[in-house]
Amino acid sequence: MKINFVMLLVALALASLVAFSFYTGNKQEHYVWLITMTVGFMACITLSGVIAAHFDDQEKTDNIRFISVVFFIFILISNLTFSFVTLTLAPYVIVNGLLFLIYILIAYGVVRVLK
């Protein structure tokens, strides 16, 4: 696996902009920083898989990009829901934790299976 560091910086900048947009549009004053940091972290990880990661096998690269895009969309939808609906902390942590762990497990599985 190769990482393009320029594209990694672009992914970090895009994730920062997404996180800032969640910060400015958040309706819950209690968890604004938690949602901002979580969206920023998870967007950075998934966007890195979309634009910065490259494998020797093109099939691996395409699969990782597809999985990363799908989970980026899931993360945006779930965090938009949590931003506009008043919920407690436990469901937020559980849903986002499960999304992140499922993303990591599927990405790891794709990299390990396709040799």
N, C-alpha and C. Protein backbone atom coordinates (compact mmCIF):
# COMPACT_ATOMS: atom_id res chain seq x y z
N MET A 1 0.85 -1.18 0.00
CA MET A 1 0.00 0.00 0.00
C MET A 1 0.89 1.23 0.00
N LYS A 2 0.50 2.18 -0.83
CA LYS A 2 1.22 3.44 -0.90
C LYS A 2 0.26 4.57 -0.54
N ILE A 3 0.80 5.55 0.16
CA ILE A 3 0.01 6.72 0.55
C ILE A 3 0.57 7.92 -0.19
N ASN A 4 -0.28 8.62 -0.91
CA ASN A 4 0.10 9.86 -1.55
C ASN A 4 -0.10 10.98 -0.53
N PHE A 5 1.00 11.57 -0.06
CA PHE A 5 0.92 12.52 1.04
C PHE A 5 0.25 13.83 0.66
N VAL A 6 0.36 14.23 -0.60
CA VAL A 6 -0.34 15.44 -1.04
C VAL A 6 -1.85 15.20 -0.98
N MET A 7 -2.28 14.05 -1.47
CA MET A 7 -3.70 13.71 -1.42
C MET A 7 -4.17 13.46 0.02
N LEU A 8 -3.28 13.00 0.88
CA LEU A 8 -3.61 12.84 2.29
C LEU A 8 -3.88 14.20 2.93
N LEU A 9 -3.09 15.20 2.57
CA LEU A 9 -3.33 16.55 3.07
C LEU A 9 -4.64 17.12 2.52
N VAL A 10 -4.96 16.79 1.26
CA VAL A 10 -6.24 17.22 0.69
C VAL A 10 -7.39 16.55 1.44
N ALA A 11 -7.25 15.27 1.75
CA ALA A 11 -8.28 14.56 2.52
C ALA A 11 -8.44 15.18 3.89
N LEU A 12 -7.35 15.54 4.54
CA LEU A 12 -7.41 16.19 5.84
C LEU A 12 -8.09 17.55 5.75
N ALA A 13 -7.80 18.31 4.70
CA ALA A 13 -8.44 19.61 4.52
C ALA A 13 -9.94 19.46 4.25
N LEU A 14 -10.32 18.50 3.42
CA LEU A 14 -11.74 18.25 3.16
C LEU A 14 -12.47 17.82 4.42
N ALA A 15 -11.84 16.94 5.20
CA ALA A 15 -12.44 16.49 6.45
C ALA A 15 -12.59 17.65 7.43
N SER A 16 -11.63 18.55 7.44
CA SER A 16 -11.72 19.72 8.31
C SER A 16 -12.88 20.62 7.89
N LEU A 17 -13.08 20.77 6.59
CA LEU A 17 -14.19 21.59 6.11
C LEU A 17 -15.54 20.93 6.43
N VAL A 18 -15.61 19.62 6.29
CA VAL A 18 -16.83 18.90 6.64
C VAL A 18 -17.10 19.04 8.14
N ALA A 19 -16.07 18.89 8.95
CA ALA A 19 -16.24 19.03 10.40
C ALA A 19 -16.67 20.44 10.77
N PHE A 20 -16.11 21.45 10.11
CA PHE A 20 -16.50 22.83 10.39
C PHE A 20 -17.95 23.09 9.99
N SER A 21 -18.37 22.48 8.89
CA SER A 21 -19.77 22.65 8.49
C SER A 21 -20.72 22.02 9.52
N PHE A 22 -20.32 20.90 10.11
CA PHE A 22 -21.13 20.31 11.18
C PHE A 22 -21.09 21.18 12.43
N TYR A 23 -19.97 21.82 12.69
CA TYR A 23 -19.87 22.71 13.84
C TYR A 23 -20.81 23.90 13.70
N THR A 24 -20.85 24.49 12.52
CA THR A 24 -21.69 25.68 12.34
C THR A 24 -23.17 25.34 12.23
N GLY A 25 -23.49 24.15 11.75
CA GLY A 25 -24.89 23.81 11.57
C GLY A 25 -25.49 22.96 12.67
N ASN A 26 -24.75 22.72 13.73
CA ASN A 26 -25.22 21.83 14.79
C ASN A 26 -26.26 22.52 15.65
N LYS A 27 -27.36 21.81 15.91
CA LYS A 27 -28.44 22.34 16.73
C LYS A 27 -28.30 21.98 18.21
N GLN A 28 -27.46 21.01 18.51
CA GLN A 28 -27.27 20.59 19.91
C GLN A 28 -26.06 21.29 20.49
N GLU A 29 -26.28 22.12 21.45
CA GLU A 29 -25.17 22.86 22.05
C GLU A 29 -24.33 22.00 22.96
N HIS A 30 -24.89 20.93 23.50
CA HIS A 30 -24.16 20.11 24.45
C HIS A 30 -23.06 19.29 23.79
N TYR A 31 -23.33 18.75 22.63
CA TYR A 31 -22.40 17.81 22.00
C TYR A 31 -21.77 18.37 20.73
N VAL A 32 -21.72 19.67 20.60
CA VAL A 32 -21.21 20.26 19.36
C VAL A 32 -19.75 19.87 19.11
N TRP A 33 -18.92 19.87 20.13
CA TRP A 33 -17.51 19.53 19.94
C TRP A 33 -17.32 18.03 19.71
N LEU A 34 -18.11 17.22 20.37
CA LEU A 34 -18.03 15.78 20.15
C LEU A 34 -18.40 15.42 18.72
N ILE A 35 -19.48 15.99 18.22
CA ILE A 35 -19.91 15.72 16.85
C ILE A 35 -18.89 16.26 15.86
N THR A 36 -18.36 17.44 16.12
CA THR A 36 -17.36 18.03 15.22
C THR A 36 -16.11 17.17 15.15
N MET A 37 -15.58 16.75 16.27
CA MET A 37 -14.35 15.96 16.28
C MET A 37 -14.58 14.56 15.70
N THR A 38 -15.73 13.97 16.00
CA THR A 38 -16.02 12.64 15.47
C THR A 38 -16.17 12.68 13.95
N VAL A 39 -16.92 13.65 13.45
CA VAL A 39 -17.08 13.78 12.00
C VAL A 39 -15.74 14.06 11.34
N GLY A 40 -14.94 14.91 11.92
CA GLY A 40 -13.63 15.22 11.35
C GLY A 40 -12.72 14.01 11.29
N PHE A 41 -12.68 13.24 12.37
CA PHE A 41 -11.83 12.05 12.42
C PHE A 41 -12.30 11.00 11.42
N MET A 42 -13.60 10.70 11.46
CA MET A 42 -14.12 9.65 10.59
C MET A 42 -14.09 10.06 9.12
N ALA A 43 -14.32 11.32 8.83
CA ALA A 43 -14.24 11.80 7.46
C ALA A 43 -12.80 11.74 6.96
N CYS A 44 -11.85 12.06 7.82
CA CYS A 44 -10.44 11.99 7.43
C CYS A 44 -10.03 10.55 7.10
N ILE A 45 -10.46 9.61 7.91
CA ILE A 45 -10.11 8.21 7.67
C ILE A 45 -10.73 7.72 6.36
N THR A 46 -12.02 7.97 6.16
CA THR A 46 -12.68 7.47 4.96
C THR A 46 -12.21 8.21 3.70
N LEU A 47 -12.02 9.52 3.79
CA LEU A 47 -11.53 10.25 2.62
C LEU A 47 -10.09 9.88 2.28
N SER A 48 -9.32 9.48 3.27
CA SER A 48 -7.96 8.99 2.99
C SER A 48 -8.03 7.71 2.17
N GLY A 49 -9.00 6.87 2.48
CA GLY A 49 -9.18 5.66 1.69
C GLY A 49 -9.66 5.94 0.28
N VAL A 50 -10.38 7.05 0.11
CA VAL A 50 -10.91 7.39 -1.21
C VAL A 50 -9.82 7.98 -2.10
N ILE A 51 -9.07 8.96 -1.59
CA ILE A 51 -8.17 9.68 -2.49
C ILE A 51 -6.68 9.52 -2.21
N ALA A 52 -6.29 9.00 -1.07
CA ALA A 52 -4.86 8.95 -0.76
C ALA A 52 -4.25 7.56 -0.82
N ALA A 53 -5.04 6.53 -0.63
CA ALA A 53 -4.50 5.16 -0.59
C ALA A 53 -4.44 4.57 -1.99
N HIS A 54 -3.36 3.86 -2.26
CA HIS A 54 -3.19 3.18 -3.55
C HIS A 54 -2.49 1.85 -3.30
N PHE A 55 -3.03 0.80 -3.89
CA PHE A 55 -2.45 -0.53 -3.76
C PHE A 55 -1.86 -0.94 -5.09
N ASP A 56 -0.98 -1.93 -5.05
CA ASP A 56 -0.39 -2.44 -6.28
C ASP A 56 -1.45 -3.09 -7.17
N ASP A 57 -2.41 -3.74 -6.56
CA ASP A 57 -3.51 -4.36 -7.28
C ASP A 57 -4.63 -3.34 -7.45
N GLN A 58 -5.03 -3.07 -8.68
CA GLN A 58 -6.07 -2.07 -8.94
C GLN A 58 -7.42 -2.49 -8.36
N GLU A 59 -7.66 -3.79 -8.28
CA GLU A 59 -8.92 -4.29 -7.71
C GLU A 59 -9.03 -3.92 -6.23
N LYS A 60 -7.93 -4.03 -5.50
CA LYS A 60 -7.94 -3.63 -4.08
C LYS A 60 -8.22 -2.14 -3.95
N THR A 61 -7.56 -1.36 -4.78
CA THR A 61 -7.73 0.09 -4.73
C THR A 61 -9.19 0.47 -5.02
N ASP A 62 -9.77 -0.14 -6.04
CA ASP A 62 -11.16 0.16 -6.37
C ASP A 62 -12.12 -0.25 -5.26
N ASN A 63 -11.87 -1.42 -4.67
CA ASN A 63 -12.75 -1.89 -3.58
C ASN A 63 -12.64 -1.00 -2.34
N ILE A 64 -11.43 -0.62 -1.98
CA ILE A 64 -11.25 0.27 -0.83
C ILE A 64 -11.89 1.62 -1.08
N ARG A 65 -11.76 2.14 -2.28
CA ARG A 65 -12.39 3.42 -2.60
C ARG A 65 -13.90 3.33 -2.51
N PHE A 66 -14.48 2.25 -3.05
CA PHE A 66 -15.92 2.07 -3.00
C PHE A 66 -16.41 1.96 -1.55
N ILE A 67 -15.75 1.14 -0.76
CA ILE A 67 -16.13 0.98 0.64
C ILE A 67 -15.99 2.30 1.39
N SER A 68 -14.94 3.04 1.12
CA SER A 68 -14.72 4.32 1.80
C SER A 68 -15.79 5.33 1.43
N VAL A 69 -16.19 5.38 0.17
CA VAL A 69 -17.25 6.30 -0.24
C VAL A 69 -18.57 5.94 0.42
N VAL A 70 -18.89 4.65 0.43
CA VAL A 70 -20.15 4.21 1.05
C VAL A 70 -20.18 4.56 2.53
N PHE A 71 -19.09 4.31 3.24
CA PHE A 71 -19.08 4.61 4.67
C PHE A 71 -18.99 6.11 4.94
N PHE A 72 -18.38 6.87 4.05
CA PHE A 72 -18.38 8.33 4.19
C PHE A 72 -19.82 8.85 4.11
N ILE A 73 -20.59 8.30 3.18
CA ILE A 73 -21.99 8.70 3.06
C ILE A 73 -22.78 8.28 4.30
N PHE A 74 -22.56 7.05 4.79
CA PHE A 74 -23.22 6.60 6.02
C PHE A 74 -22.88 7.51 7.20
N ILE A 75 -21.63 7.90 7.30
CA ILE A 75 -21.19 8.77 8.39
C ILE A 75 -21.87 10.13 8.30
N LEU A 76 -21.95 10.68 7.09
CA LEU A 76 -22.61 11.97 6.92
C LEU A 76 -24.09 11.89 7.29
N ILE A 77 -24.76 10.84 6.83
CA ILE A 77 -26.18 10.70 7.12
C ILE A 77 -26.43 10.52 8.62
N SER A 78 -25.65 9.65 9.25
CA SER A 78 -25.87 9.42 10.69
C SER A 78 -25.56 10.67 11.51
N ASN A 79 -24.52 11.39 11.16
CA ASN A 79 -24.18 12.58 11.94
C ASN A 79 -25.11 13.74 11.64
N LEU A 80 -25.64 13.81 10.42
CA LEU A 80 -26.68 14.82 10.16
C LEU A 80 -27.91 14.55 11.00
N THR A 81 -28.25 13.29 11.12
CA THR A 81 -29.39 12.91 11.95
C THR A 81 -29.15 13.30 13.40
N PHE A 82 -27.97 12.98 13.91
CA PHE A 82 -27.66 13.32 15.30
C PHE A 82 -27.51 14.81 15.53
N SER A 83 -27.19 15.56 14.49
CA SER A 83 -27.04 17.01 14.65
C SER A 83 -28.38 17.71 14.80
N PHE A 84 -29.40 17.18 14.17
CA PHE A 84 -30.69 17.87 14.17
C PHE A 84 -31.74 17.24 15.07
N VAL A 85 -31.44 16.08 15.63
CA VAL A 85 -32.37 15.41 16.53
C VAL A 85 -31.73 15.38 17.91
N THR A 86 -32.50 15.73 18.92
CA THR A 86 -31.98 15.73 20.28
C THR A 86 -31.95 14.30 20.80
N LEU A 87 -30.76 13.77 20.96
CA LEU A 87 -30.58 12.42 21.48
C LEU A 87 -29.54 12.45 22.60
N THR A 88 -29.44 11.36 23.28
CA THR A 88 -28.44 11.26 24.34
C THR A 88 -27.10 10.83 23.77
N LEU A 89 -26.11 10.80 24.60
CA LEU A 89 -24.75 10.50 24.18
C LEU A 89 -24.54 9.04 23.81
N ALA A 90 -25.16 8.12 24.53
CA ALA A 90 -24.93 6.69 24.31
C ALA A 90 -25.26 6.23 22.89
N PRO A 91 -26.43 6.56 22.33
CA PRO A 91 -26.68 6.12 20.95
C PRO A 91 -25.70 6.70 19.94
N TYR A 92 -25.28 7.94 20.17
CA TYR A 92 -24.31 8.56 19.26
C TYR A 92 -22.99 7.80 19.25
N VAL A 93 -22.48 7.51 20.41
CA VAL A 93 -21.21 6.79 20.52
C VAL A 93 -21.33 5.38 19.95
N ILE A 94 -22.42 4.70 20.26
CA ILE A 94 -22.60 3.33 19.79
C ILE A 94 -22.72 3.27 18.27
N VAL A 95 -23.56 4.12 17.69
CA VAL A 95 -23.76 4.09 16.23
C VAL A 95 -22.48 4.45 15.49
N ASN A 96 -21.83 5.52 15.90
CA ASN A 96 -20.60 5.91 15.21
C ASN A 96 -19.46 4.94 15.46
N GLY A 97 -19.39 4.39 16.65
CA GLY A 97 -18.38 3.37 16.92
C GLY A 97 -18.57 2.13 16.07
N LEU A 98 -19.83 1.69 15.95
CA LEU A 98 -20.11 0.53 15.10
C LEU A 98 -19.82 0.81 13.63
N LEU A 99 -20.20 1.99 13.16
CA LEU A 99 -19.90 2.34 11.77
C LEU A 99 -18.39 2.32 11.51
N PHE A 100 -17.63 2.90 12.42
CA PHE A 100 -16.18 2.95 12.24
C PHE A 100 -15.56 1.55 12.29
N LEU A 101 -15.99 0.73 13.26
CA LEU A 101 -15.42 -0.61 13.37
C LEU A 101 -15.80 -1.50 12.19
N ILE A 102 -17.03 -1.37 11.71
CA ILE A 102 -17.44 -2.15 10.53
C ILE A 102 -16.64 -1.72 9.31
N TYR A 103 -16.42 -0.41 9.17
CA TYR A 103 -15.59 0.08 8.06
C TYR A 103 -14.17 -0.51 8.12
N ILE A 104 -13.57 -0.47 9.29
CA ILE A 104 -12.21 -0.99 9.45
C ILE A 104 -12.17 -2.49 9.17
N LEU A 105 -13.14 -3.24 9.68
CA LEU A 105 -13.16 -4.69 9.46
C LEU A 105 -13.34 -5.04 7.99
N ILE A 106 -14.24 -4.36 7.30
CA ILE A 106 -14.45 -4.64 5.88
C ILE A 106 -13.22 -4.25 5.07
N ALA A 107 -12.64 -3.09 5.35
CA ALA A 107 -11.44 -2.67 4.62
C ALA A 107 -10.28 -3.63 4.86
N TYR A 108 -10.12 -4.05 6.10
CA TYR A 108 -9.07 -5.02 6.42
C TYR A 108 -9.31 -6.34 5.70
N GLY A 109 -10.56 -6.78 5.68
CA GLY A 109 -10.90 -8.01 4.99
C GLY A 109 -10.63 -7.94 3.49
N VAL A 110 -10.93 -6.80 2.88
CA VAL A 110 -10.67 -6.63 1.46
C VAL A 110 -9.18 -6.68 1.17
N VAL A 111 -8.40 -6.04 1.99
CA VAL A 111 -6.94 -6.02 1.78
C VAL A 111 -6.34 -7.39 2.00
N ARG A 112 -6.81 -8.12 2.99
CA ARG A 112 -6.24 -9.43 3.30
C ARG A 112 -6.70 -10.52 2.32
N VAL A 113 -7.94 -10.46 1.84
CA VAL A 113 -8.46 -11.52 0.99
C VAL A 113 -7.90 -11.40 -0.43
N LEU A 114 -7.87 -10.21 -0.96
CA LEU A 114 -7.40 -10.02 -2.33
C LEU A 114 -5.88 -9.95 -2.35
N LYS A 115 -5.24 -11.06 -2.66
CA LYS A 115 -3.78 -11.05 -2.70
C LYS A 115 -3.26 -11.23 -4.07
